[in-house]
Each structure stands twice: as structure tokens, then as C-alpha cells.
Protein backbone atom coordinates (compact mmCIF):
# COMPACT_ATOMS: atom_id res chain seq x y z
CA MET A 1 120.15 50.34 4.33
CA THR A 2 123.55 49.36 5.66
CA THR A 3 124.80 45.95 4.60
CA SER A 4 128.12 44.17 4.75
CA PRO A 5 129.81 41.95 2.14
CA ALA A 6 127.52 39.00 1.77
CA THR A 7 126.56 35.93 -0.06
CA THR A 8 123.33 35.81 -2.06
CA PRO A 9 120.40 35.65 0.38
CA ALA A 10 118.38 32.46 0.48
CA VAL A 11 115.09 31.88 2.24
CA SER A 12 114.69 28.31 1.09
CA THR A 13 116.65 25.13 0.58
CA PRO A 14 115.51 23.88 -2.83
CA GLN A 15 116.80 20.34 -2.45
CA THR A 16 114.60 19.77 0.61
CA GLY A 17 111.73 22.20 0.04
CA PHE A 18 112.40 23.85 3.41
CA SER A 19 111.59 27.56 3.44
CA VAL A 20 111.13 30.42 5.86
CA PRO A 21 107.91 32.22 4.88
CA VAL A 22 108.02 35.92 4.06
CA ILE A 23 105.05 37.78 5.54
CA ASP A 24 104.00 41.38 4.88
CA LEU A 25 103.03 42.84 8.25
CA SER A 26 101.78 46.17 6.89
CA PRO A 27 98.07 45.44 7.47
CA TYR A 28 98.96 45.53 11.18
CA THR A 29 101.54 48.32 11.08
CA THR A 30 99.85 50.82 8.76
CA GLY A 31 96.23 49.72 8.49
CA SER A 32 96.66 49.24 4.75
CA GLY A 33 95.88 46.11 2.84
CA GLY A 34 99.55 45.25 2.38
CA ALA A 35 101.93 44.84 -0.54
CA ASP A 36 99.21 43.52 -2.84
CA ASP A 37 97.58 47.00 -2.80
CA THR A 38 94.43 45.83 -1.08
CA PRO A 39 92.38 48.98 -0.30
CA ALA A 40 92.66 50.23 3.28
CA ASP A 41 88.92 49.64 3.74
CA ASP A 42 89.66 45.94 3.41
CA ALA A 43 92.38 46.02 6.11
CA PRO A 44 90.44 43.67 8.46
CA ALA A 45 90.40 41.04 5.71
CA ALA A 46 94.08 41.69 5.07
CA ARG A 47 94.87 41.23 8.76
CA GLU A 48 92.91 37.98 8.74
CA ARG A 49 95.04 36.81 5.82
CA VAL A 50 98.24 37.76 7.64
CA ALA A 51 97.07 35.94 10.77
CA ARG A 52 96.53 32.77 8.72
CA GLU A 53 100.01 33.11 7.22
CA ILE A 54 101.50 33.56 10.69
CA ASP A 55 99.67 30.50 12.02
CA ALA A 56 101.02 28.40 9.16
CA ALA A 57 104.57 29.72 9.63
CA CYS A 58 104.54 29.20 13.39
CA SER A 59 103.01 25.72 13.11
CA GLN A 60 105.28 24.44 10.37
CA VAL A 61 108.60 26.31 10.76
CA GLY A 62 108.69 28.48 13.89
CA PHE A 63 110.57 31.12 11.91
CA MET A 64 109.33 33.77 9.49
CA GLN A 65 110.63 36.84 7.72
CA ILE A 66 108.65 40.04 7.91
CA VAL A 67 108.51 43.02 5.60
CA GLY A 68 106.19 45.98 6.03
CA HIS A 69 107.45 46.27 9.62
CA GLY A 70 107.70 50.06 9.38
CA ILE A 71 111.24 50.53 10.72
CA ASP A 72 112.90 53.31 8.73
CA ASP A 73 116.17 52.59 6.93
CA ALA A 74 117.84 55.43 8.85
CA VAL A 75 117.11 53.68 12.14
CA ILE A 76 118.58 50.42 10.80
CA ASP A 77 121.63 52.29 9.55
CA GLY A 78 122.05 53.86 12.97
CA LEU A 79 121.89 50.44 14.62
CA ALA A 80 124.49 48.99 12.25
CA GLY A 81 126.82 51.94 12.77
CA ALA A 82 126.54 51.68 16.55
CA ILE A 83 127.38 47.97 16.39
CA ASP A 84 130.44 48.68 14.25
CA GLU A 85 131.74 51.44 16.50
CA PHE A 86 131.34 49.56 19.76
CA PHE A 87 132.88 46.27 18.66
CA ALA A 88 135.79 48.12 17.04
CA LEU A 89 136.85 49.38 20.49
CA PRO A 90 139.96 47.82 22.06
CA PRO A 91 139.32 44.64 24.10
CA GLU A 92 140.27 46.34 27.37
CA THR A 93 137.70 49.08 26.72
CA LYS A 94 134.94 46.63 25.86
CA ASN A 95 135.76 44.54 28.94
CA SER A 96 135.28 47.60 31.13
CA TYR A 97 131.56 47.32 30.30
CA ARG A 98 131.18 43.78 31.66
CA VAL A 99 128.47 43.44 34.32
CA ALA A 100 128.69 40.49 36.69
CA ASP A 101 125.62 38.30 37.15
CA ALA A 102 123.34 40.46 35.01
CA ASN A 103 121.96 40.24 31.49
CA ARG A 104 123.52 43.60 30.64
CA GLY A 105 126.71 44.99 29.18
CA TYR A 106 129.51 43.24 27.34
CA SER A 107 130.09 39.50 26.94
CA PRO A 108 133.46 38.59 25.39
CA PRO A 109 134.06 35.71 22.97
CA LYS A 110 133.94 32.21 24.47
CA SER A 111 132.22 33.39 27.67
CA GLU A 112 128.95 31.58 26.91
CA THR A 113 127.80 28.10 25.90
CA LEU A 114 124.24 28.47 24.68
CA SER A 115 123.67 24.75 24.16
CA LEU A 116 123.81 24.37 27.96
CA SER A 117 120.64 26.48 28.18
CA LEU A 118 119.04 23.28 26.84
CA GLY A 119 121.08 20.96 29.04
CA VAL A 120 123.17 19.80 26.08
CA GLU A 121 126.96 19.75 26.41
CA SER A 122 129.25 19.54 23.38
CA ALA A 123 131.88 16.83 23.31
CA SER A 124 134.72 19.37 23.48
CA ARG A 125 132.96 21.92 25.75
CA MET A 126 133.79 24.52 23.08
CA ASN A 127 132.33 27.86 24.13
CA ASP A 128 130.69 30.07 21.52
CA PHE A 129 132.75 32.39 19.30
CA PHE A 130 130.66 35.53 19.50
CA GLU A 131 130.83 38.71 21.52
CA ALA A 132 127.75 40.63 22.58
CA PHE A 133 126.44 43.76 24.22
CA ASN A 134 123.06 43.83 25.98
CA VAL A 135 120.72 46.64 26.93
CA GLY A 136 117.15 46.34 28.10
CA VAL A 137 114.16 47.56 30.05
CA GLU A 138 115.02 48.53 33.62
CA ALA A 139 112.88 48.00 36.72
CA ARG A 140 112.95 51.75 37.38
CA SER A 141 111.10 52.22 34.09
CA PHE A 142 107.99 51.17 36.10
CA PRO A 143 108.09 53.41 39.19
CA ASP A 144 104.59 52.35 40.31
CA LEU A 145 105.61 48.68 40.55
CA ALA A 146 107.84 47.09 43.17
CA LEU A 147 110.18 45.43 40.68
CA ASP A 148 113.68 44.18 41.45
CA GLU A 149 116.63 45.34 39.35
CA ALA A 150 118.08 41.86 39.84
CA ASP A 151 115.36 40.60 37.49
CA TYR A 152 115.83 43.34 34.91
CA GLY A 153 119.36 44.73 35.11
CA ILE A 154 120.73 48.26 34.95
CA ASN A 155 122.09 49.41 31.62
CA VAL A 156 125.65 50.54 31.09
CA TRP A 157 126.30 52.85 28.17
CA PRO A 158 129.68 53.05 26.42
CA GLU A 159 131.18 56.43 25.65
CA CYS A 160 131.04 55.83 21.92
CA GLY A 161 129.66 58.78 19.99
CA ASP A 162 125.86 58.81 19.94
CA PHE A 163 125.69 55.06 20.64
CA ARG A 164 122.87 55.33 23.15
CA ALA A 165 120.66 57.53 20.97
CA ARG A 166 120.98 55.15 18.02
CA ILE A 167 120.37 52.05 20.13
CA ASP A 168 117.39 53.63 21.91
CA ALA A 169 115.86 54.54 18.54
CA TYR A 170 116.10 50.97 17.29
CA PHE A 171 115.00 49.50 20.65
CA ASP A 172 111.77 51.52 20.57
CA GLU A 173 111.01 50.41 17.02
CA ALA A 174 111.80 46.74 17.69
CA SER A 175 109.56 46.88 20.77
CA ARG A 176 106.72 48.23 18.63
CA VAL A 177 107.21 45.44 16.08
CA ALA A 178 107.30 42.74 18.77
CA ARG A 179 104.06 43.96 20.33
CA THR A 180 102.43 44.22 16.92
CA LEU A 181 103.42 40.62 16.31
CA THR A 182 101.84 39.43 19.56
CA ARG A 183 98.60 41.17 18.53
CA ALA A 184 98.76 39.24 15.26
CA PHE A 185 99.60 36.07 17.22
CA ALA A 186 96.40 36.46 19.24
CA ASP A 187 94.38 36.77 16.04
CA ALA A 188 96.15 33.75 14.55
CA LEU A 189 95.40 31.64 17.64
CA GLY A 190 91.82 32.89 17.93
CA VAL A 191 92.36 34.17 21.48
CA PRO A 192 91.78 37.64 22.99
CA PRO A 193 94.67 40.12 22.72
CA GLU A 194 94.77 40.15 26.53
CA VAL A 195 96.39 36.71 26.48
CA PHE A 196 99.58 38.55 25.53
CA THR A 197 99.01 42.09 26.80
CA ASP A 198 98.20 40.85 30.32
CA ILE A 199 101.65 39.26 30.60
CA THR A 200 103.72 41.98 28.90
CA GLY A 201 102.88 45.20 30.74
CA HIS A 202 106.38 45.29 32.27
CA SER A 203 108.05 42.81 29.96
CA ILE A 204 111.73 41.92 30.36
CA ASP A 205 112.73 43.18 26.92
CA VAL A 206 116.40 42.93 25.93
CA LEU A 207 118.32 43.96 22.81
CA ARG A 208 121.45 41.90 22.22
CA LEU A 209 124.04 43.14 19.73
CA ASN A 210 126.15 40.28 18.38
CA ASN A 211 129.50 40.27 16.61
CA TYR A 212 130.94 36.98 15.38
CA ALA A 213 134.47 37.49 16.51
CA LEU A 214 136.57 35.03 14.55
CA PRO A 215 139.19 37.04 12.66
CA PRO A 216 138.41 37.50 8.95
CA GLY A 217 140.50 35.54 6.45
CA PRO A 218 141.35 31.91 5.59
CA ILE A 219 140.80 29.43 8.38
CA THR A 220 140.91 25.71 9.03
CA LEU A 221 137.71 24.93 10.90
CA ASP A 222 137.62 22.50 13.79
CA GLY A 223 134.52 20.31 13.62
CA GLU A 224 133.35 21.68 16.97
CA LEU A 225 133.97 25.36 16.22
CA THR A 226 130.71 27.21 16.80
CA GLY A 227 129.67 30.81 16.29
CA MET A 228 126.65 30.37 18.59
CA GLY A 229 125.51 26.99 19.88
CA GLU A 230 122.14 25.42 19.22
CA HIS A 231 119.45 26.93 21.39
CA THR A 232 115.89 28.12 21.58
CA ASP A 233 115.07 31.66 22.60
CA PHE A 234 113.71 32.11 26.07
CA GLY A 235 110.67 34.35 25.86
CA LEU A 236 107.65 35.09 23.67
CA VAL A 237 109.07 36.33 20.38
CA THR A 238 112.42 37.47 18.95
CA VAL A 239 112.85 40.11 16.25
CA LEU A 240 116.23 39.76 14.53
CA TRP A 241 118.12 42.13 12.28
CA ALA A 242 121.13 40.43 10.72
CA ASP A 243 123.68 40.87 7.97
CA ARG A 244 122.94 38.97 4.78
CA VAL A 245 125.84 36.63 5.49
CA ALA A 246 125.88 32.86 5.86
CA GLY A 247 125.87 31.37 9.35
CA LEU A 248 122.35 31.17 10.80
CA GLN A 249 120.87 27.68 10.66
CA VAL A 250 117.39 26.52 11.63
CA LEU A 251 116.40 22.97 12.62
CA SER A 252 113.41 21.75 10.61
CA SER A 253 110.78 19.33 11.88
CA ASP A 254 112.55 16.46 10.13
CA GLY A 255 115.71 17.04 12.18
CA VAL A 256 117.82 18.67 9.45
CA TRP A 257 119.72 21.97 9.83
CA HIS A 258 119.05 24.53 7.07
CA ASP A 259 120.83 27.78 6.20
CA VAL A 260 118.72 30.94 6.52
CA GLN A 261 119.59 34.49 5.51
CA PRO A 262 117.42 37.60 5.67
CA ILE A 263 115.98 39.10 2.52
CA GLU A 264 116.72 42.71 1.64
CA GLY A 265 114.83 44.94 4.05
CA GLY A 266 113.42 42.01 6.01
CA LEU A 267 113.60 41.05 9.66
CA LEU A 268 113.71 37.48 10.89
CA VAL A 269 111.21 36.50 13.57
CA ASN A 270 111.18 33.39 15.69
CA LEU A 271 109.13 32.14 18.59
CA GLY A 272 110.47 31.67 22.10
CA ASP A 273 109.91 28.94 24.66
CA LEU A 274 107.10 30.79 26.44
CA THR A 275 104.97 30.95 23.29
CA ALA A 276 105.54 27.22 22.81
CA ARG A 277 104.32 26.72 26.37
CA LEU A 278 101.26 28.90 25.80
CA THR A 279 100.31 26.96 22.68
CA GLY A 280 101.17 23.48 23.93
CA ASP A 281 103.70 23.16 21.08
CA ARG A 282 101.08 23.90 18.43
CA TRP A 283 103.68 26.57 17.69
CA MET A 284 107.27 25.47 18.21
CA SER A 285 110.19 27.31 19.75
CA THR A 286 112.49 26.43 16.90
CA LEU A 287 116.08 25.42 17.52
CA HIS A 288 118.69 27.49 15.76
CA ARG A 289 122.44 28.04 15.82
CA VAL A 290 125.13 30.09 14.10
CA LYS A 291 128.03 28.38 12.38
CA PRO A 292 131.19 30.33 11.54
CA PRO A 293 130.30 32.65 8.62
CA VAL A 294 132.41 31.13 5.86
CA VAL A 295 132.35 32.29 2.22
CA ASP A 296 134.71 30.74 -0.33
CA GLY A 297 136.81 29.13 2.37
CA GLY A 298 137.30 32.25 4.49
CA ILE A 299 135.67 33.93 7.48
CA VAL A 300 133.65 37.08 6.74
CA ARG A 301 132.18 39.67 9.09
CA ARG A 302 128.73 38.93 10.50
CA ARG A 303 126.61 41.08 12.82
CA SER A 304 123.14 40.76 14.24
CA ALA A 305 120.83 42.41 16.75
CA ALA A 306 118.20 40.30 18.51
CA PHE A 307 115.29 41.96 20.33
CA PHE A 308 113.83 39.58 22.90
CA HIS A 309 110.25 40.22 24.06
CA ASP A 310 110.14 37.95 27.11
CA GLY A 311 107.09 38.81 29.23
CA ASP A 312 106.56 40.12 32.76
CA VAL A 313 108.97 38.68 35.32
CA ASP A 314 106.11 37.64 37.63
CA ALA A 315 103.77 36.32 34.93
CA VAL A 316 102.80 32.66 35.18
CA VAL A 317 102.87 30.94 31.78
CA GLY A 318 101.18 27.64 31.10
CA THR A 319 99.39 26.01 28.19
CA LEU A 320 96.17 27.78 27.21
CA PRO A 321 92.92 25.78 27.44
CA GLY A 322 92.13 24.18 24.11
CA LEU A 323 95.74 24.35 22.89
CA VAL A 324 97.16 21.17 24.41
CA GLY A 325 99.54 19.49 21.96
CA ALA A 326 98.89 16.41 19.85
CA ASP A 327 100.38 14.20 22.58
CA GLN A 328 97.69 15.55 24.95
CA SER A 329 100.32 16.89 27.36
CA ALA A 330 100.49 20.46 28.58
CA TYR A 331 103.46 22.33 29.99
CA GLU A 332 103.47 22.85 33.73
CA PRO A 333 102.93 26.53 34.61
CA ILE A 334 106.13 28.43 35.34
CA THR A 335 106.94 32.05 36.07
CA VAL A 336 108.92 34.01 33.51
CA ARG A 337 111.53 34.64 36.23
CA GLU A 338 112.07 30.91 36.90
CA HIS A 339 112.23 30.00 33.23
CA ILE A 340 114.74 32.68 32.24
CA ALA A 341 116.91 32.06 35.30
CA ALA A 342 117.27 28.38 34.40
CA LYS A 343 118.18 29.20 30.80
CA LEU A 344 120.74 31.86 31.75
CA ALA A 345 122.32 29.60 34.36
CA GLY A 346 123.04 27.15 31.56
CA SER A 347 124.43 29.53 28.96
CA ARG A 348 126.45 31.79 31.29
CA GLN A 349 127.18 29.83 34.45
CA GLY A 350 127.86 26.43 32.91
CA ARG A 351 125.03 24.63 34.70
CA ALA A 352 123.03 22.38 32.39
CA ASN A 353 119.33 23.26 32.35
CA THR A 354 117.49 20.09 33.35
CA GLY A 355 114.08 21.57 32.60
CA ALA A 356 114.43 21.78 28.80
CA VAL A 357 113.71 18.12 28.13
CA ARG A 358 111.76 18.49 24.89
CA GLU A 359 114.24 20.91 23.31
CA ALA A 360 117.30 18.88 24.36
CA ALA A 361 115.83 15.74 22.80
CA ARG A 362 115.49 17.53 19.45
CA VAL A 363 119.12 18.74 19.58
CA LEU A 364 120.44 15.27 20.34
CA ALA A 365 118.31 13.67 17.60
CA ALA A 366 119.62 16.19 15.05
CA ALA A 367 123.21 15.49 16.14
CA GLN A 368 122.69 11.77 15.59
CA GLN A 369 121.28 12.45 12.13
CA GLU A 370 124.28 14.65 11.23
CA ARG A 371 126.67 11.83 12.15
CA ARG A 372 124.98 9.35 9.80
């Protein structure tokens, strides 16, 4: 598997006891009993065990790491190579793949402020130091449905070797993993699989390739310098491949930011806002951010690829009966279209999202704690 120079991976913070659980998904992906060599005949019991582990991870952390996902190393290597080749192109070439007012194509460094997707503005209005390239499902993929490309976007493909073939191969595999996870989510919540399948038949699925674009080498860091601002993901579930390099931080329930790095061969998984809405915050859409990847006082290369499984554009998402949160309040129903539009208007158009009240309160509380 392709890796880049990295620090030692860590899935826990020993001084606080915070950890991101590692879950073997193979009972769902292969029908086997998993890494503990449970016989295949006992796969239903193994899936029940995995569902319990997922429920605990989603209730307590909102992040998990999965192994046994079934994505071949060659597909991962192809993804990593495609990322390297595209982001190595000259700036003028990459900028030729910008797409106005669509969640597709190239986004240059400092063109987004993800904290505004939560309605939170940094003191210095420092935009995020990452560049990205997005591809996703297109409306024309569903010829029998009257879908609008304005909701989905039309892909642009750079002339960069076999970029498209490698990205398509990974996209298909990440889609399979995301849908497998939602099947496991249904089991973990004790609800029918249709709770998820009925709202994902023409899901707005997007793969975002990220490159943290600060130049490698020694650097004096401004206190506000951010690789990617604090945010929650928009949809149902995110499947993340990332270099084993420092940078990703997750906000724990006690309001403290913790470093998280993927284990060898693992994928990071986190919940999105729509799953939090479905579960009435029984499962949280966990805040996360990326700080400049610094090792021994210098910037190192960091890449990631986030697959967002966001749900059907016209699906209405509200809190499921029986899953109202501890405060006895449920989220108001909202369409996937309305929710994603409000989030994107914040991150890309500079308009603070006034609808993310719960998430914004957690960001501001964590900021106060950091200043103490």
C-alpha cells in the first residue's frame, strides 16, 4: 500500500484515554466471522457483535477505524498515485478545472472556509490551506428520474494519464463500503435496512481528493493557520483514506481536540449531520479539523480522499421515532438539498450557516477551553 513519510500512527491519546475504536467489518463484507477466525456459519453472530461495536463507537466518539473493508491494496495505490499526479500539475493547469457554483472540479488553496459551514467565523478570517478536486455521482446516472444537474454536478476529468480509471475504481469501492456501513448502522440502531436504502437510491455521493498545500520545510506557524477548519460532514457517513501523517484532530465529548491518524490498512469513518438528525444525536456528527501537518518543526506532505455518502437530494430527513435525544428534542425535518446547500454556502460562498446551532455551540465551547 502506498504511504508517504509519516509519524508513528496513533489511535488513542493515552493521557486522556480518548481513542478511536478499530472495527473489523469483514463479517459484513465477506460473510466470514472476522479477524478472530469465527467460522462463517457464525457470521450472523459476528455481524451482531460488529453492530454493537459500531453503536458504541458512534455513541461515544462519532469516529471509528475500519479494517476488513475489502478494498484491494492496488486500488488504494491507484488512488494515491492519481492524487500525486494531479496535484503536481502547474497551478494554471489545475485552475483550468475549476467549476463555478458546483461541487465539482478543482478548489485552490484558501478558497474555502469550512468553519463557516457551521456559522463560525475565525478572528482573522483565515481561509483553509488545502486544495481539492471533487468528482461525484451525476444526475444523468439516473435516466429514469427527473433529477437536476444543479443538485449533483457534472464531472470534469483532467488529462492526467489514467486518472479517471483509477479514481472510478476507488469511487466504486468506497461506495460499496459506505453502503455496507449503512446496513450495519441499521442493525446497530435496531431499525429496518430501508431506513437508509429508501433515502440513498440516487444518493449525492462525492469523492474529494485533498492536498494540504503548505510548502514542505521549516515554517513559523501563525496561531490562526489552518489546514482545514473545524466542521462536521454534511451527509450520512464519510469514508476517509488518509496518509499516516499528523494533522487530523477530532473533538471529544469533553470539548478537547485529539490527534487521530489511520492505522496501517485502515480507513477512518465518521458520521455526518444527517445521521445525527436521524438518531436525534444518539449518534453525533463529530467535529473535526486538520491542523498544518508538522513533524519535528517542519511541514510534511499530507493527502487524503474523503468519500461522502450524502443521501437522495429530495429525501426528507428527520429524527426517527424512538430516537429522540436525551434532551427530548428532535431535529426538524429537512431535505438533503436544503441542508447541503446551507453548508456549502458557508464554506464556499462566505455566508455563515445559521442553521447549525448545535454544532456551532460545540466549536465555540472548545475554542474557549483552548484559550484557558
